[in-house]
Amino acid sequence: MDKTYIEHREDGYWVAGTRVSLDSIVYAFKRGAAPETIKRSFPVLSLEEIYGSITFYLAHEQEIDAYLEAAEAELDSKGKQLNADAKKAKPDLFRRLEKARETIRR
């Protein structure tokens, strides 16, 4: 009987039946973490679920890498927008911060 380790929900990939994102497993795996090390970071997961997640990633590597790149780009864009909004809302604060940075650089 085949077991499903990953489910696609809420515009993301998750370890089935958990709140652990596939992203978390993949980033740890790409950093060279062993499944046993990943388990220490996510004790709610079994080693079987971690190996299943890695296997899913390897079987869908291009698709998941594209998904991760898109998510990173969206996060970067949102961060830039939040920064711009904050500067508009508190221009005096940002001027003081920039002045402090200039002082530190000297």
C-alpha atoms as a PDB file:
ATOM      1  CA  MET A   1       0.000   0.000   0.000  1.00  0.00           C
ATOM      2  CA  ASP A   2       1.395   3.386  -1.023  1.00  0.00           C
ATOM      3  CA  LYS A   3       1.530   6.064   1.629  1.00  0.00           C
ATOM      4  CA  THR A   4       1.207   9.750   0.838  1.00  0.00           C
ATOM      5  CA  TYR A   5       3.820  11.784   2.680  1.00  0.00           C
ATOM      6  CA  ILE A   6       3.181  15.202   1.174  1.00  0.00           C
ATOM      7  CA  GLU A   7      -0.039  17.067   0.577  1.00  0.00           C
ATOM      8  CA  HIS A   8      -0.637  20.267  -1.336  1.00  0.00           C
ATOM      9  CA  ARG A   9      -2.864  22.644   0.629  1.00  0.00           C
ATOM     10  CA  GLU A  10      -3.178  26.370   1.266  1.00  0.00           C
ATOM     11  CA  ASP A  11      -0.931  27.098  -1.736  1.00  0.00           C
ATOM     12  CA  GLY A  12       1.925  25.152  -0.163  1.00  0.00           C
ATOM     13  CA  TYR A  13       3.334  21.696   0.390  1.00  0.00           C
ATOM     14  CA  TRP A  14       3.062  20.091   3.814  1.00  0.00           C
ATOM     15  CA  VAL A  15       4.015  16.822   5.446  1.00  0.00           C
ATOM     16  CA  ALA A  16       0.681  14.988   5.362  1.00  0.00           C
ATOM     17  CA  GLY A  17      -1.423  15.514   8.457  1.00  0.00           C
ATOM     18  CA  THR A  18       1.001  17.995  10.037  1.00  0.00           C
ATOM     19  CA  ARG A  19       1.792  21.690  10.117  1.00  0.00           C
ATOM     20  CA  VAL A  20       5.373  21.045   8.992  1.00  0.00           C
ATOM     21  CA  SER A  21       6.069  22.517   5.574  1.00  0.00           C
ATOM     22  CA  LEU A  22       7.970  20.621   2.933  1.00  0.00           C
ATOM     23  CA  ASP A  23      10.014  23.825   2.578  1.00  0.00           C
ATOM     24  CA  SER A  24      11.478  23.252   6.050  1.00  0.00           C
ATOM     25  CA  ILE A  25      12.553  19.717   5.216  1.00  0.00           C
ATOM     26  CA  VAL A  26      13.956  20.679   1.795  1.00  0.00           C
ATOM     27  CA  TYR A  27      15.998  23.623   3.091  1.00  0.00           C
ATOM     28  CA  ALA A  28      17.511  21.442   5.817  1.00  0.00           C
ATOM     29  CA  PHE A  29      18.220  18.681   3.282  1.00  0.00           C
ATOM     30  CA  LYS A  30      19.861  21.157   0.882  1.00  0.00           C
ATOM     31  CA  ARG A  31      22.081  22.408   3.731  1.00  0.00           C
ATOM     32  CA  GLY A  32      23.314  18.833   4.065  1.00  0.00           C
ATOM     33  CA  ALA A  33      21.385  17.840   7.183  1.00  0.00           C
ATOM     34  CA  ALA A  34      20.878  14.118   7.619  1.00  0.00           C
ATOM     35  CA  PRO A  35      17.315  12.858   8.124  1.00  0.00           C
ATOM     36  CA  GLU A  36      18.162  12.065  11.750  1.00  0.00           C
ATOM     37  CA  THR A  37      19.281  15.676  12.264  1.00  0.00           C
ATOM     38  CA  ILE A  38      16.123  16.963  10.604  1.00  0.00           C
ATOM     39  CA  LYS A  39      14.098  14.782  12.994  1.00  0.00           C
ATOM     40  CA  ARG A  40      15.657  16.563  15.961  1.00  0.00           C
ATOM     41  CA  SER A  41      14.356  19.848  14.554  1.00  0.00           C
ATOM     42  CA  PHE A  42      10.910  18.364  13.908  1.00  0.00           C
ATOM     43  CA  PRO A  43      10.265  15.754  16.615  1.00  0.00           C
ATOM     44  CA  VAL A  44       6.599  15.548  15.586  1.00  0.00           C
ATOM     45  CA  LEU A  45       7.750  13.760  12.405  1.00  0.00           C
ATOM     46  CA  SER A  46       8.849  10.168  12.120  1.00  0.00           C
ATOM     47  CA  LEU A  47      11.984   9.231  10.212  1.00  0.00           C
ATOM     48  CA  GLU A  48       9.693   7.559   7.695  1.00  0.00           C
ATOM     49  CA  GLU A  49       7.897  10.876   7.097  1.00  0.00           C
ATOM     50  CA  ILE A  50      11.208  12.704   6.717  1.00  0.00           C
ATOM     51  CA  TYR A  51      12.577  10.152   4.254  1.00  0.00           C
ATOM     52  CA  GLY A  52       9.217  10.214   2.431  1.00  0.00           C
ATOM     53  CA  SER A  53       9.388  14.003   2.221  1.00  0.00           C
ATOM     54  CA  ILE A  54      12.921  13.908   0.833  1.00  0.00           C
ATOM     55  CA  THR A  55      11.911  11.223  -1.659  1.00  0.00           C
ATOM     56  CA  PHE A  56       8.951  13.357  -2.768  1.00  0.00           C
ATOM     57  CA  TYR A  57      11.255  16.343  -3.200  1.00  0.00           C
ATOM     58  CA  LEU A  58      13.761  14.346  -5.254  1.00  0.00           C
ATOM     59  CA  ALA A  59      10.976  12.948  -7.455  1.00  0.00           C
ATOM     60  CA  HIS A  60       9.592  16.480  -8.051  1.00  0.00           C
ATOM     61  CA  GLU A  61      12.800  18.483  -7.717  1.00  0.00           C
ATOM     62  CA  GLN A  62      12.253  20.945 -10.581  1.00  0.00           C
ATOM     63  CA  GLU A  63       8.661  21.652  -9.570  1.00  0.00           C
ATOM     64  CA  ILE A  64       9.520  22.140  -5.880  1.00  0.00           C
ATOM     65  CA  ASP A  65      12.602  24.255  -6.632  1.00  0.00           C
ATOM     66  CA  ALA A  66      10.463  26.508  -8.858  1.00  0.00           C
ATOM     67  CA  TYR A  67       7.846  26.733  -6.084  1.00  0.00           C
ATOM     68  CA  LEU A  68      10.530  27.664  -3.525  1.00  0.00           C
ATOM     69  CA  GLU A  69      12.043  30.303  -5.826  1.00  0.00           C
ATOM     70  CA  ALA A  70       8.614  31.855  -6.411  1.00  0.00           C
ATOM     71  CA  ALA A  71       7.898  31.875  -2.666  1.00  0.00           C
ATOM     72  CA  GLU A  72      11.261  33.545  -1.944  1.00  0.00           C
ATOM     73  CA  ALA A  73      10.618  36.182  -4.625  1.00  0.00           C
ATOM     74  CA  GLU A  74       7.154  36.899  -3.197  1.00  0.00           C
ATOM     75  CA  LEU A  75       8.558  37.192   0.321  1.00  0.00           C
ATOM     76  CA  ASP A  76      11.282  39.553  -0.898  1.00  0.00           C
ATOM     77  CA  SER A  77       8.693  41.679  -2.698  1.00  0.00           C
ATOM     78  CA  LYS A  78       6.451  41.820   0.372  1.00  0.00           C
ATOM     79  CA  GLY A  79       9.422  42.769   2.541  1.00  0.00           C
ATOM     80  CA  LYS A  80      10.336  45.632   0.221  1.00  0.00           C
ATOM     81  CA  GLN A  81       6.733  46.846   0.204  1.00  0.00           C
ATOM     82  CA  LEU A  82       6.526  46.706   4.012  1.00  0.00           C
ATOM     83  CA  ASN A  83       9.772  48.664   4.247  1.00  0.00           C
ATOM     84  CA  ALA A  84       8.471  51.297   1.834  1.00  0.00           C
ATOM     85  CA  ASP A  85       5.190  51.542   3.752  1.00  0.00           C
ATOM     86  CA  ALA A  86       7.052  51.907   7.049  1.00  0.00           C
ATOM     87  CA  LYS A  87       9.236  54.678   5.610  1.00  0.00           C
ATOM     88  CA  LYS A  88       6.130  56.556   4.488  1.00  0.00           C
ATOM     89  CA  ALA A  89       4.451  56.116   7.868  1.00  0.00           C
ATOM     90  CA  LYS A  90       7.502  57.095   9.977  1.00  0.00           C
ATOM     91  CA  PRO A  91       9.864  59.222   7.839  1.00  0.00           C
ATOM     92  CA  ASP A  92      11.494  60.893  10.873  1.00  0.00           C
ATOM     93  CA  LEU A  93      12.369  57.532  12.410  1.00  0.00           C
ATOM     94  CA  PHE A  94      13.988  56.324   9.187  1.00  0.00           C
ATOM     95  CA  ARG A  95      15.975  59.551   8.825  1.00  0.00           C
ATOM     96  CA  ARG A  96      17.324  59.059  12.361  1.00  0.00           C
ATOM     97  CA  LEU A  97      18.160  55.416  11.603  1.00  0.00           C
ATOM     98  CA  GLU A  98      20.004  56.398   8.428  1.00  0.00           C
ATOM     99  CA  LYS A  99      21.906  59.097  10.319  1.00  0.00           C
ATOM    100  CA  ALA A 100      22.881  56.513  12.964  1.00  0.00           C
ATOM    101  CA  ARG A 101      24.095  54.125  10.228  1.00  0.00           C
ATOM    102  CA  GLU A 102      26.229  56.886   8.726  1.00  0.00           C
ATOM    103  CA  THR A 103      27.770  57.564  12.137  1.00  0.00           C
ATOM    104  CA  ILE A 104      28.577  53.885  12.647  1.00  0.00           C
ATOM    105  CA  ARG A 105      30.187  53.556   9.193  1.00  0.00           C
ATOM    106  CA  ARG A 106      32.674  56.352   9.953  1.00  0.00           C
END
